[in-house]
Amino acid sequence: MASLPLELIHSIAVYACQPQDDASKAPWSAISPLADACRAYRPIALEHWFRVLRTRTPTDVLAHYFPNIGSWTRELDVSPPQEIDRALYWNLARFRRLQRVRVNDPRTPQFLAMFRYAPDTLVELDIREFVWPRPNVFFGIASAFPNLQILRTSQRQSWCDLCYTCCNVQLGGEIPSKLVYTDGLGLPVLYARTLSSLEHLRFVSITVPCWQGKHIVLDPKDPYKELWVGECQNCTVLLFGIDGFRDGWMARKRGDDALASQRAHSSTLLYIKPPSLQTVEWVFQRQEGPVEEIEEDEATEDDTERDA
């Protein structure tokens, strides 16, 4: 029987390896028949299978079995253990064509220490089920991934620049599905300052669960009216009634040094936009029932640099 053209085998492998639902890759059973068909097809199947490498720790990669894995892998999908062994880390430089890293359900702020020597090709980071989104963690992102262009985080809470805590999101009125800023504004001030060293960062997406509240009402058609960047409901109620506070706070979030100074806000905490940032989006996942209380592990002790 005549063999199929290798170009067609590549196309079959691409189709077989398409992920299903929210998974990062298809199951091995989808590509194994092609890998087992003949010796000529097996390296093609393996190359496409390992374009996404799913793992927990650096010791999981059996490079001595698959010496070409460093050139095959385009995406690293990591589900880190709850306790991080600081002696082990990902030498990302070995993945010469790596473009994207996905981290699933990190349980300790130290997970970023697992990633070192990111190649210039690595431009996207996606963090799922992020429990403690403090600014010091975003500083770690900027340090570990200096060439990022796209940053996506799915967070259990937002960061409030007013009380310096992680908080549950509660919005009044009709909760929008998404809030989009298109001029580089829209991040919490301390997030923006810690990410300002990323010269190529152009897109940030933050997904948070959202409960029905009363006092913060957002209009997705005019997001700049409130310029909401994660502030908690309690701070909004307590502080926005103080004479002149809201105007000064809005100026700080816009990076307006003159107005913020007039309103007695420290110019050291003004918004600093990452130089190439174009779009910031907040995605709201509506929740039913009572607001979820998150008990933080002792390992997440807050060492946030307030004057980042």
C-alpha atoms as a PDB file:
ATOM      1  CA  MET A   1       0.000   0.000   0.000  1.00  0.00           C
ATOM      2  CA  ALA A   2       1.367   3.396  -0.954  1.00  0.00           C
ATOM      3  CA  SER A   3       2.171   5.651   2.011  1.00  0.00           C
ATOM      4  CA  LEU A   4       0.468   9.002   2.463  1.00  0.00           C
ATOM      5  CA  PRO A   5       2.425  12.212   1.749  1.00  0.00           C
ATOM      6  CA  LEU A   6       4.191  13.479   4.874  1.00  0.00           C
ATOM      7  CA  GLU A   7       2.512  16.870   4.431  1.00  0.00           C
ATOM      8  CA  LEU A   8      -0.851  15.142   4.900  1.00  0.00           C
ATOM      9  CA  ILE A   9       0.453  13.297   7.962  1.00  0.00           C
ATOM     10  CA  HIS A  10       1.455  16.646   9.476  1.00  0.00           C
ATOM     11  CA  SER A  11      -2.076  17.962   8.848  1.00  0.00           C
ATOM     12  CA  ILE A  12      -3.602  14.862  10.435  1.00  0.00           C
ATOM     13  CA  ALA A  13      -1.358  15.271  13.475  1.00  0.00           C
ATOM     14  CA  VAL A  14      -2.322  18.937  13.849  1.00  0.00           C
ATOM     15  CA  TYR A  15      -6.012  18.032  13.748  1.00  0.00           C
ATOM     16  CA  ALA A  16      -5.641  15.105  16.165  1.00  0.00           C
ATOM     17  CA  CYS A  17      -3.808  17.257  18.717  1.00  0.00           C
ATOM     18  CA  GLN A  18      -6.457  19.988  18.882  1.00  0.00           C
ATOM     19  CA  PRO A  19      -7.431  20.527  22.538  1.00  0.00           C
ATOM     20  CA  GLN A  20     -10.929  19.787  23.777  1.00  0.00           C
ATOM     21  CA  ASP A  21     -12.898  22.149  26.005  1.00  0.00           C
ATOM     22  CA  ASP A  22     -10.521  24.070  28.297  1.00  0.00           C
ATOM     23  CA  ALA A  23      -7.777  21.447  28.167  1.00  0.00           C
ATOM     24  CA  SER A  24      -4.418  22.569  26.838  1.00  0.00           C
ATOM     25  CA  LYS A  25      -4.007  19.468  24.668  1.00  0.00           C
ATOM     26  CA  ALA A  26      -5.852  16.412  23.402  1.00  0.00           C
ATOM     27  CA  PRO A  27      -5.479  13.019  25.138  1.00  0.00           C
ATOM     28  CA  TRP A  28      -2.718  10.681  23.960  1.00  0.00           C
ATOM     29  CA  SER A  29      -5.373   8.336  22.579  1.00  0.00           C
ATOM     30  CA  ALA A  30      -6.126  10.930  19.895  1.00  0.00           C
ATOM     31  CA  ILE A  31      -2.627  10.747  18.391  1.00  0.00           C
ATOM     32  CA  SER A  32      -1.399   7.264  19.404  1.00  0.00           C
ATOM     33  CA  PRO A  33      -2.817   5.433  16.332  1.00  0.00           C
ATOM     34  CA  LEU A  34      -0.761   7.707  14.098  1.00  0.00           C
ATOM     35  CA  ALA A  35       2.341   7.261  16.260  1.00  0.00           C
ATOM     36  CA  ASP A  36       1.962   3.485  16.123  1.00  0.00           C
ATOM     37  CA  ALA A  37       1.215   3.296  12.383  1.00  0.00           C
ATOM     38  CA  CYS A  38       4.805   3.192  11.169  1.00  0.00           C
ATOM     39  CA  ARG A  39       8.326   4.371  11.937  1.00  0.00           C
ATOM     40  CA  ALA A  40       8.083   7.333   9.518  1.00  0.00           C
ATOM     41  CA  TYR A  41       4.938   8.687  11.147  1.00  0.00           C
ATOM     42  CA  ARG A  42       6.029   8.337  14.785  1.00  0.00           C
ATOM     43  CA  PRO A  43       8.421  11.351  14.953  1.00  0.00           C
ATOM     44  CA  ILE A  44       5.779  13.525  13.288  1.00  0.00           C
ATOM     45  CA  ALA A  45       3.176  12.444  15.841  1.00  0.00           C
ATOM     46  CA  LEU A  46       5.563  13.030  18.743  1.00  0.00           C
ATOM     47  CA  GLU A  47       6.576  16.452  17.468  1.00  0.00           C
ATOM     48  CA  HIS A  48       2.977  17.644  17.407  1.00  0.00           C
ATOM     49  CA  TRP A  49       2.096  15.915  20.673  1.00  0.00           C
ATOM     50  CA  PHE A  50       4.925  17.640  22.520  1.00  0.00           C
ATOM     51  CA  ARG A  51       4.098  21.091  21.165  1.00  0.00           C
ATOM     52  CA  VAL A  52       2.223  21.344  24.469  1.00  0.00           C
ATOM     53  CA  LEU A  53       4.160  19.839  27.359  1.00  0.00           C
ATOM     54  CA  ARG A  54       2.082  19.128  30.479  1.00  0.00           C
ATOM     55  CA  THR A  55       3.984  18.590  33.689  1.00  0.00           C
ATOM     56  CA  ARG A  56       4.236  19.298  37.425  1.00  0.00           C
ATOM     57  CA  THR A  57       7.939  19.645  38.157  1.00  0.00           C
ATOM     58  CA  PRO A  58      11.150  19.971  36.128  1.00  0.00           C
ATOM     59  CA  THR A  59      12.045  16.370  36.971  1.00  0.00           C
ATOM     60  CA  ASP A  60       9.013  15.133  34.995  1.00  0.00           C
ATOM     61  CA  VAL A  61      10.661  15.848  31.642  1.00  0.00           C
ATOM     62  CA  LEU A  62      12.443  12.737  30.374  1.00  0.00           C
ATOM     63  CA  ALA A  63      14.706  14.500  27.902  1.00  0.00           C
ATOM     64  CA  HIS A  64      16.925  11.417  27.609  1.00  0.00           C
ATOM     65  CA  TYR A  65      13.945   9.577  26.073  1.00  0.00           C
ATOM     66  CA  PHE A  66      12.922  12.500  23.857  1.00  0.00           C
ATOM     67  CA  PRO A  67      16.060  14.503  23.006  1.00  0.00           C
ATOM     68  CA  ASN A  68      14.153  16.772  20.602  1.00  0.00           C
ATOM     69  CA  ILE A  69      11.642  17.946  23.175  1.00  0.00           C
ATOM     70  CA  GLY A  70      13.483  21.254  23.545  1.00  0.00           C
ATOM     71  CA  SER A  71      12.771  22.167  19.922  1.00  0.00           C
ATOM     72  CA  TRP A  72       9.281  20.635  19.782  1.00  0.00           C
ATOM     73  CA  THR A  73       7.656  22.395  22.752  1.00  0.00           C
ATOM     74  CA  ARG A  74       5.788  25.659  22.101  1.00  0.00           C
ATOM     75  CA  GLU A  75       3.695  25.713  25.266  1.00  0.00           C
ATOM     76  CA  LEU A  76       4.529  24.612  28.801  1.00  0.00           C
ATOM     77  CA  ASP A  77       1.473  23.641  30.855  1.00  0.00           C
ATOM     78  CA  VAL A  78       2.474  23.391  34.525  1.00  0.00           C
ATOM     79  CA  SER A  79       0.380  22.280  37.501  1.00  0.00           C
ATOM     80  CA  PRO A  80       2.871  22.966  40.300  1.00  0.00           C
ATOM     81  CA  PRO A  81       2.818  21.019  43.569  1.00  0.00           C
ATOM     82  CA  GLN A  82       1.620  22.745  46.716  1.00  0.00           C
ATOM     83  CA  GLU A  83       5.128  22.783  48.159  1.00  0.00           C
ATOM     84  CA  ILE A  84       7.898  24.087  45.899  1.00  0.00           C
ATOM     85  CA  ASP A  85      11.392  22.623  46.056  1.00  0.00           C
ATOM     86  CA  ARG A  86      13.525  25.719  45.526  1.00  0.00           C
ATOM     87  CA  ALA A  87      16.442  23.592  44.416  1.00  0.00           C
ATOM     88  CA  LEU A  88      14.488  22.626  41.293  1.00  0.00           C
ATOM     89  CA  TYR A  89      13.592  25.047  38.537  1.00  0.00           C
ATOM     90  CA  TRP A  90      12.650  25.162  34.886  1.00  0.00           C
ATOM     91  CA  ASN A  91      15.571  26.170  32.704  1.00  0.00           C
ATOM     92  CA  LEU A  92      13.318  27.650  30.040  1.00  0.00           C
ATOM     93  CA  ALA A  93      16.276  28.350  27.771  1.00  0.00           C
ATOM     94  CA  ARG A  94      16.284  24.665  26.815  1.00  0.00           C
ATOM     95  CA  PHE A  95      12.917  25.192  25.084  1.00  0.00           C
ATOM     96  CA  ARG A  96      14.212  27.111  22.101  1.00  0.00           C
ATOM     97  CA  ARG A  97      10.787  27.710  20.517  1.00  0.00           C
ATOM     98  CA  LEU A  98       8.740  28.176  23.669  1.00  0.00           C
ATOM     99  CA  GLN A  99       6.003  30.792  23.177  1.00  0.00           C
ATOM    100  CA  ARG A 100       3.578  30.328  26.049  1.00  0.00           C
ATOM    101  CA  VAL A 101       3.512  29.182  29.676  1.00  0.00           C
ATOM    102  CA  ARG A 102       0.300  28.179  31.426  1.00  0.00           C
ATOM    103  CA  VAL A 103       0.262  27.686  35.209  1.00  0.00           C
ATOM    104  CA  ASN A 104      -2.694  25.891  36.776  1.00  0.00           C
ATOM    105  CA  ASP A 105      -3.854  26.486  40.345  1.00  0.00           C
ATOM    106  CA  PRO A 106      -0.587  27.640  41.950  1.00  0.00           C
ATOM    107  CA  ARG A 107      -0.901  27.164  45.702  1.00  0.00           C
ATOM    108  CA  THR A 108       2.084  29.178  46.864  1.00  0.00           C
ATOM    109  CA  PRO A 109       3.489  32.589  45.854  1.00  0.00           C
ATOM    110  CA  GLN A 110       6.877  30.961  45.348  1.00  0.00           C
ATOM    111  CA  PHE A 111       5.781  29.215  42.131  1.00  0.00           C
ATOM    112  CA  LEU A 112       7.467  31.883  40.002  1.00  0.00           C
ATOM    113  CA  ALA A 113      10.840  30.785  41.369  1.00  0.00           C
ATOM    114  CA  MET A 114      10.395  27.626  39.283  1.00  0.00           C
ATOM    115  CA  PHE A 115      10.909  29.570  36.040  1.00  0.00           C
ATOM    116  CA  ARG A 116      14.304  30.903  34.969  1.00  0.00           C
ATOM    117  CA  TYR A 117      16.133  31.935  31.807  1.00  0.00           C
ATOM    118  CA  ALA A 118      13.052  32.598  29.682  1.00  0.00           C
ATOM    119  CA  PRO A 119      13.914  32.656  25.952  1.00  0.00           C
ATOM    120  CA  ASP A 120      13.103  35.696  23.824  1.00  0.00           C
ATOM    121  CA  THR A 121      10.398  33.655  22.078  1.00  0.00           C
ATOM    122  CA  LEU A 122       8.317  33.367  25.279  1.00  0.00           C
ATOM    123  CA  VAL A 123       5.680  36.095  24.945  1.00  0.00           C
ATOM    124  CA  GLU A 124       2.552  34.828  26.741  1.00  0.00           C
ATOM    125  CA  LEU A 125       1.773  33.823  30.334  1.00  0.00           C
ATOM    126  CA  ASP A 126      -1.562  32.407  31.496  1.00  0.00           C
ATOM    127  CA  ILE A 127      -2.127  31.823  35.231  1.00  0.00           C
ATOM    128  CA  ARG A 128      -5.293  29.923  36.230  1.00  0.00           C
ATOM    129  CA  GLU A 129      -7.047  29.962  39.627  1.00  0.00           C
ATOM    130  CA  PHE A 130      -4.739  32.544  41.144  1.00  0.00           C
ATOM    131  CA  VAL A 131      -5.649  32.760  44.860  1.00  0.00           C
ATOM    132  CA  TRP A 132      -3.531  35.674  46.169  1.00  0.00           C
ATOM    133  CA  PRO A 133      -2.962  38.250  43.403  1.00  0.00           C
ATOM    134  CA  ARG A 134      -0.694  40.591  45.326  1.00  0.00           C
ATOM    135  CA  PRO A 135       1.563  43.108  43.548  1.00  0.00           C
ATOM    136  CA  ASN A 136       4.744  41.380  44.714  1.00  0.00           C
ATOM    137  CA  VAL A 137       3.700  38.344  42.671  1.00  0.00           C
ATOM    138  CA  PHE A 138       3.311  40.551  39.596  1.00  0.00           C
ATOM    139  CA  PHE A 139       6.790  41.867  40.246  1.00  0.00           C
ATOM    140  CA  GLY A 140       7.924  38.240  40.101  1.00  0.00           C
ATOM    141  CA  ILE A 141       6.127  37.847  36.769  1.00  0.00           C
ATOM    142  CA  ALA A 142       7.989  40.827  35.332  1.00  0.00           C
ATOM    143  CA  SER A 143      11.306  39.448  36.579  1.00  0.00           C
ATOM    144  CA  ALA A 144      10.799  35.884  35.330  1.00  0.00           C
ATOM    145  CA  PHE A 145       9.264  36.718  31.940  1.00  0.00           C
ATOM    146  CA  PRO A 146      10.925  39.915  30.645  1.00  0.00           C
ATOM    147  CA  ASN A 147       9.654  39.597  27.057  1.00  0.00           C
ATOM    148  CA  LEU A 148       5.963  39.158  27.800  1.00  0.00           C
ATOM    149  CA  GLN A 149       3.490  40.596  25.338  1.00  0.00           C
ATOM    150  CA  ILE A 150       0.321  38.939  26.664  1.00  0.00           C
ATOM    151  CA  LEU A 151      -0.576  38.318  30.305  1.00  0.00           C
ATOM    152  CA  ARG A 152      -3.738  36.480  31.364  1.00  0.00           C
ATOM    153  CA  THR A 153      -4.696  35.767  34.948  1.00  0.00           C
ATOM    154  CA  SER A 154      -7.754  34.021  36.345  1.00  0.00           C
ATOM    155  CA  GLN A 155      -7.911  35.232  39.942  1.00  0.00           C
ATOM    156  CA  ARG A 156     -10.065  34.235  42.902  1.00  0.00           C
ATOM    157  CA  GLN A 157      -9.959  37.860  44.107  1.00  0.00           C
ATOM    158  CA  SER A 158      -8.943  41.334  42.978  1.00  0.00           C
ATOM    159  CA  TRP A 159      -6.349  43.647  44.502  1.00  0.00           C
ATOM    160  CA  CYS A 160      -7.582  46.868  46.146  1.00  0.00           C
ATOM    161  CA  ASP A 161      -5.064  49.724  46.008  1.00  0.00           C
ATOM    162  CA  LEU A 162      -6.973  51.573  48.722  1.00  0.00           C
ATOM    163  CA  CYS A 163      -6.670  49.063  51.560  1.00  0.00           C
ATOM    164  CA  TYR A 164      -3.759  47.001  50.171  1.00  0.00           C
ATOM    165  CA  THR A 165      -5.583  43.705  50.446  1.00  0.00           C
ATOM    166  CA  CYS A 166      -6.984  41.036  48.165  1.00  0.00           C
ATOM    167  CA  CYS A 167     -10.760  41.242  48.102  1.00  0.00           C
ATOM    168  CA  ASN A 168     -13.844  39.656  46.605  1.00  0.00           C
ATOM    169  CA  VAL A 169     -15.406  41.603  43.740  1.00  0.00           C
ATOM    170  CA  GLN A 170     -18.930  42.883  44.370  1.00  0.00           C
ATOM    171  CA  LEU A 171     -20.681  45.041  41.774  1.00  0.00           C
ATOM    172  CA  GLY A 172     -24.049  46.728  41.883  1.00  0.00           C
ATOM    173  CA  GLY A 173     -26.658  46.988  39.161  1.00  0.00           C
ATOM    174  CA  GLU A 174     -26.342  44.734  36.149  1.00  0.00           C
ATOM    175  CA  ILE A 175     -22.958  43.016  36.268  1.00  0.00           C
ATOM    176  CA  PRO A 176     -21.191  43.394  32.900  1.00  0.00           C
ATOM    177  CA  SER A 177     -19.469  40.389  31.368  1.00  0.00           C
ATOM    178  CA  LYS A 178     -16.402  42.416  30.521  1.00  0.00           C
ATOM    179  CA  LEU A 179     -14.794  45.832  31.046  1.00  0.00           C
ATOM    180  CA  VAL A 180     -12.234  46.968  28.468  1.00  0.00           C
ATOM    181  CA  TYR A 181      -9.718  49.827  28.617  1.00  0.00           C
ATOM    182  CA  THR A 182      -7.918  50.618  25.379  1.00  0.00           C
ATOM    183  CA  ASP A 183      -5.284  53.223  26.275  1.00  0.00           C
ATOM    184  CA  GLY A 184      -3.044  51.345  28.688  1.00  0.00           C
ATOM    185  CA  LEU A 185      -5.013  52.334  31.779  1.00  0.00           C
ATOM    186  CA  GLY A 186      -7.165  49.964  33.835  1.00  0.00           C
ATOM    187  CA  LEU A 187      -4.704  48.023  35.991  1.00  0.00           C
ATOM    188  CA  PRO A 188      -4.434  48.420  39.755  1.00  0.00           C
ATOM    189  CA  VAL A 189      -1.813  51.104  40.306  1.00  0.00           C
ATOM    190  CA  LEU A 190       0.662  48.750  41.966  1.00  0.00           C
ATOM    191  CA  TYR A 191       0.195  46.160  39.219  1.00  0.00           C
ATOM    192  CA  ALA A 192       0.993  48.782  36.603  1.00  0.00           C
ATOM    193  CA  ARG A 193       4.077  49.945  38.464  1.00  0.00           C
ATOM    194  CA  THR A 194       5.452  46.426  38.920  1.00  0.00           C
ATOM    195  CA  LEU A 195       4.784  45.569  35.258  1.00  0.00           C
ATOM    196  CA  SER A 196       6.154  48.842  33.885  1.00  0.00           C
ATOM    197  CA  SER A 197       9.538  47.213  33.191  1.00  0.00           C
ATOM    198  CA  LEU A 198       7.931  44.964  30.550  1.00  0.00           C
ATOM    199  CA  GLU A 199       8.684  46.934  27.399  1.00  0.00           C
ATOM    200  CA  HIS A 200       6.666  44.680  25.070  1.00  0.00           C
ATOM    201  CA  LEU A 201       3.568  44.016  27.196  1.00  0.00           C
ATOM    202  CA  ARG A 202       0.547  45.022  25.105  1.00  0.00           C
ATOM    203  CA  PHE A 203      -2.418  43.054  26.467  1.00  0.00           C
ATOM    204  CA  VAL A 204      -3.549  42.121  29.991  1.00  0.00           C
ATOM    205  CA  SER A 205      -6.684  40.139  30.816  1.00  0.00           C
ATOM    206  CA  ILE A 206      -7.845  39.638  34.409  1.00  0.00           C
ATOM    207  CA  THR A 207     -10.734  37.252  35.103  1.00  0.00           C
ATOM    208  CA  VAL A 208     -12.415  37.393  38.518  1.00  0.00           C
ATOM    209  CA  PRO A 209     -15.538  35.892  40.130  1.00  0.00           C
ATOM    210  CA  CYS A 210     -18.104  38.574  40.878  1.00  0.00           C
ATOM    211  CA  TRP A 211     -20.985  38.721  43.359  1.00  0.00           C
ATOM    212  CA  GLN A 212     -23.959  41.033  43.417  1.00  0.00           C
ATOM    213  CA  GLY A 213     -23.235  44.150  45.468  1.00  0.00           C
ATOM    214  CA  LYS A 214     -24.724  47.627  45.835  1.00  0.00           C
ATOM    215  CA  HIS A 215     -22.280  50.481  45.642  1.00  0.00           C
ATOM    216  CA  ILE A 216     -20.027  49.984  42.599  1.00  0.00           C
ATOM    217  CA  VAL A 217     -21.947  50.254  39.334  1.00  0.00           C
ATOM    218  CA  LEU A 218     -19.967  49.920  36.102  1.00  0.00           C
ATOM    219  CA  ASP A 219     -20.960  50.861  32.586  1.00  0.00           C
ATOM    220  CA  PRO A 220     -19.078  48.768  29.991  1.00  0.00           C
ATOM    221  CA  LYS A 221     -19.927  51.412  27.359  1.00  0.00           C
ATOM    222  CA  ASP A 222     -18.178  54.108  29.413  1.00  0.00           C
ATOM    223  CA  PRO A 223     -15.586  52.329  31.602  1.00  0.00           C
ATOM    224  CA  TYR A 224     -13.620  55.541  32.215  1.00  0.00           C
ATOM    225  CA  LYS A 225     -16.484  57.114  34.160  1.00  0.00           C
ATOM    226  CA  GLU A 226     -15.480  55.085  37.218  1.00  0.00           C
ATOM    227  CA  LEU A 227     -12.133  53.751  35.939  1.00  0.00           C
ATOM    228  CA  TRP A 228     -12.605  50.780  38.253  1.00  0.00           C
ATOM    229  CA  VAL A 229      -9.359  48.848  38.748  1.00  0.00           C
ATOM    230  CA  GLY A 230     -10.286  46.348  41.455  1.00  0.00           C
ATOM    231  CA  GLU A 231     -11.272  48.561  44.385  1.00  0.00           C
ATOM    232  CA  CYS A 232     -13.306  46.796  47.049  1.00  0.00           C
ATOM    233  CA  GLN A 233     -16.842  47.753  47.957  1.00  0.00           C
ATOM    234  CA  ASN A 234     -15.952  48.698  51.535  1.00  0.00           C
ATOM    235  CA  CYS A 235     -13.271  51.212  50.535  1.00  0.00           C
ATOM    236  CA  THR A 236     -15.566  52.757  47.951  1.00  0.00           C
ATOM    237  CA  VAL A 237     -18.246  53.335  50.583  1.00  0.00           C
ATOM    238  CA  LEU A 238     -15.870  54.628  53.264  1.00  0.00           C
ATOM    239  CA  LEU A 239     -13.581  56.870  51.222  1.00  0.00           C
ATOM    240  CA  PHE A 240     -15.424  58.205  48.202  1.00  0.00           C
ATOM    241  CA  GLY A 241     -17.660  60.335  50.409  1.00  0.00           C
ATOM    242  CA  ILE A 242     -14.656  62.305  51.716  1.00  0.00           C
ATOM    243  CA  ASP A 243     -14.459  65.740  50.116  1.00  0.00           C
ATOM    244  CA  GLY A 244     -12.023  65.736  47.198  1.00  0.00           C
ATOM    245  CA  PHE A 245     -10.928  62.135  47.671  1.00  0.00           C
ATOM    246  CA  ARG A 246     -12.567  60.714  44.563  1.00  0.00           C
ATOM    247  CA  ASP A 247     -11.073  63.366  42.255  1.00  0.00           C
ATOM    248  CA  GLY A 248      -7.595  62.771  43.634  1.00  0.00           C
ATOM    249  CA  TRP A 249      -8.000  59.015  43.405  1.00  0.00           C
ATOM    250  CA  MET A 250      -9.136  59.202  39.783  1.00  0.00           C
ATOM    251  CA  ALA A 251      -6.113  61.413  39.013  1.00  0.00           C
ATOM    252  CA  ARG A 252      -3.785  58.875  40.576  1.00  0.00           C
ATOM    253  CA  LYS A 253      -5.264  56.089  38.463  1.00  0.00           C
ATOM    254  CA  ARG A 254      -4.754  58.206  35.340  1.00  0.00           C
ATOM    255  CA  GLY A 255      -1.193  59.114  36.278  1.00  0.00           C
ATOM    256  CA  ASP A 256      -2.059  62.824  36.612  1.00  0.00           C
ATOM    257  CA  ASP A 257       0.711  64.068  38.884  1.00  0.00           C
ATOM    258  CA  ALA A 258      -0.495  67.669  39.164  1.00  0.00           C
ATOM    259  CA  LEU A 259      -4.077  66.924  40.173  1.00  0.00           C
ATOM    260  CA  ALA A 260      -3.116  64.053  42.470  1.00  0.00           C
ATOM    261  CA  SER A 261      -0.659  66.322  44.299  1.00  0.00           C
ATOM    262  CA  GLN A 262      -3.321  69.003  44.693  1.00  0.00           C
ATOM    263  CA  ARG A 263      -5.551  66.399  46.282  1.00  0.00           C
ATOM    264  CA  ALA A 264      -2.804  65.301  48.703  1.00  0.00           C
ATOM    265  CA  HIS A 265      -2.064  61.978  47.024  1.00  0.00           C
ATOM    266  CA  SER A 266       1.563  60.825  46.999  1.00  0.00           C
ATOM    267  CA  SER A 267       3.077  61.215  43.532  1.00  0.00           C
ATOM    268  CA  THR A 268       5.228  58.139  44.231  1.00  0.00           C
ATOM    269  CA  LEU A 269       2.100  56.003  43.834  1.00  0.00           C
ATOM    270  CA  LEU A 270       0.843  57.331  40.523  1.00  0.00           C
ATOM    271  CA  TYR A 271      -0.125  54.993  37.730  1.00  0.00           C
ATOM    272  CA  ILE A 272       2.852  54.199  35.495  1.00  0.00           C
ATOM    273  CA  LYS A 273       1.740  52.614  32.249  1.00  0.00           C
ATOM    274  CA  PRO A 274       3.893  49.824  30.796  1.00  0.00           C
ATOM    275  CA  PRO A 275       5.285  51.482  27.648  1.00  0.00           C
ATOM    276  CA  SER A 276       3.588  49.276  25.027  1.00  0.00           C
ATOM    277  CA  LEU A 277       0.401  48.419  26.906  1.00  0.00           C
ATOM    278  CA  GLN A 278      -2.669  48.913  24.716  1.00  0.00           C
ATOM    279  CA  THR A 279      -5.535  46.895  26.182  1.00  0.00           C
ATOM    280  CA  VAL A 280      -6.574  45.904  29.692  1.00  0.00           C
ATOM    281  CA  GLU A 281      -9.713  43.823  30.117  1.00  0.00           C
ATOM    282  CA  TRP A 282     -11.545  42.676  33.210  1.00  0.00           C
ATOM    283  CA  VAL A 283     -13.731  39.591  32.730  1.00  0.00           C
ATOM    284  CA  PHE A 284     -16.434  39.010  35.350  1.00  0.00           C
ATOM    285  CA  GLN A 285     -17.748  35.552  36.165  1.00  0.00           C
ATOM    286  CA  ARG A 286     -21.039  36.053  37.946  1.00  0.00           C
ATOM    287  CA  GLN A 287     -21.490  34.030  41.134  1.00  0.00           C
ATOM    288  CA  GLU A 288     -24.666  33.047  42.946  1.00  0.00           C
ATOM    289  CA  GLY A 289     -25.128  32.668  46.668  1.00  0.00           C
ATOM    290  CA  PRO A 290     -23.102  34.184  49.517  1.00  0.00           C
ATOM    291  CA  VAL A 291     -19.700  35.747  48.966  1.00  0.00           C
ATOM    292  CA  GLU A 292     -16.937  33.155  49.204  1.00  0.00           C
ATOM    293  CA  GLU A 293     -14.499  33.595  52.077  1.00  0.00           C
ATOM    294  CA  ILE A 294     -10.943  32.545  51.237  1.00  0.00           C
ATOM    295  CA  GLU A 295      -8.657  31.432  54.034  1.00  0.00           C
ATOM    296  CA  GLU A 296      -5.099  32.197  53.089  1.00  0.00           C
ATOM    297  CA  ASP A 297      -2.286  29.776  53.829  1.00  0.00           C
ATOM    298  CA  GLU A 298       0.532  30.937  56.098  1.00  0.00           C
ATOM    299  CA  ALA A 299       2.870  30.631  53.111  1.00  0.00           C
ATOM    300  CA  THR A 300       1.084  33.578  51.493  1.00  0.00           C
ATOM    301  CA  GLU A 301       2.165  36.079  54.122  1.00  0.00           C
ATOM    302  CA  ASP A 302       1.986  39.541  52.594  1.00  0.00           C
ATOM    303  CA  ASP A 303       5.384  40.988  51.737  1.00  0.00           C
ATOM    304  CA  THR A 304       3.977  43.509  49.287  1.00  0.00           C
ATOM    305  CA  GLU A 305       6.185  46.477  48.560  1.00  0.00           C
ATOM    306  CA  ARG A 306       3.722  49.314  48.999  1.00  0.00           C
ATOM    307  CA  ASP A 307       5.910  51.820  47.215  1.00  0.00           C
ATOM    308  CA  ALA A 308       6.689  49.591  44.246  1.00  0.00           C
END
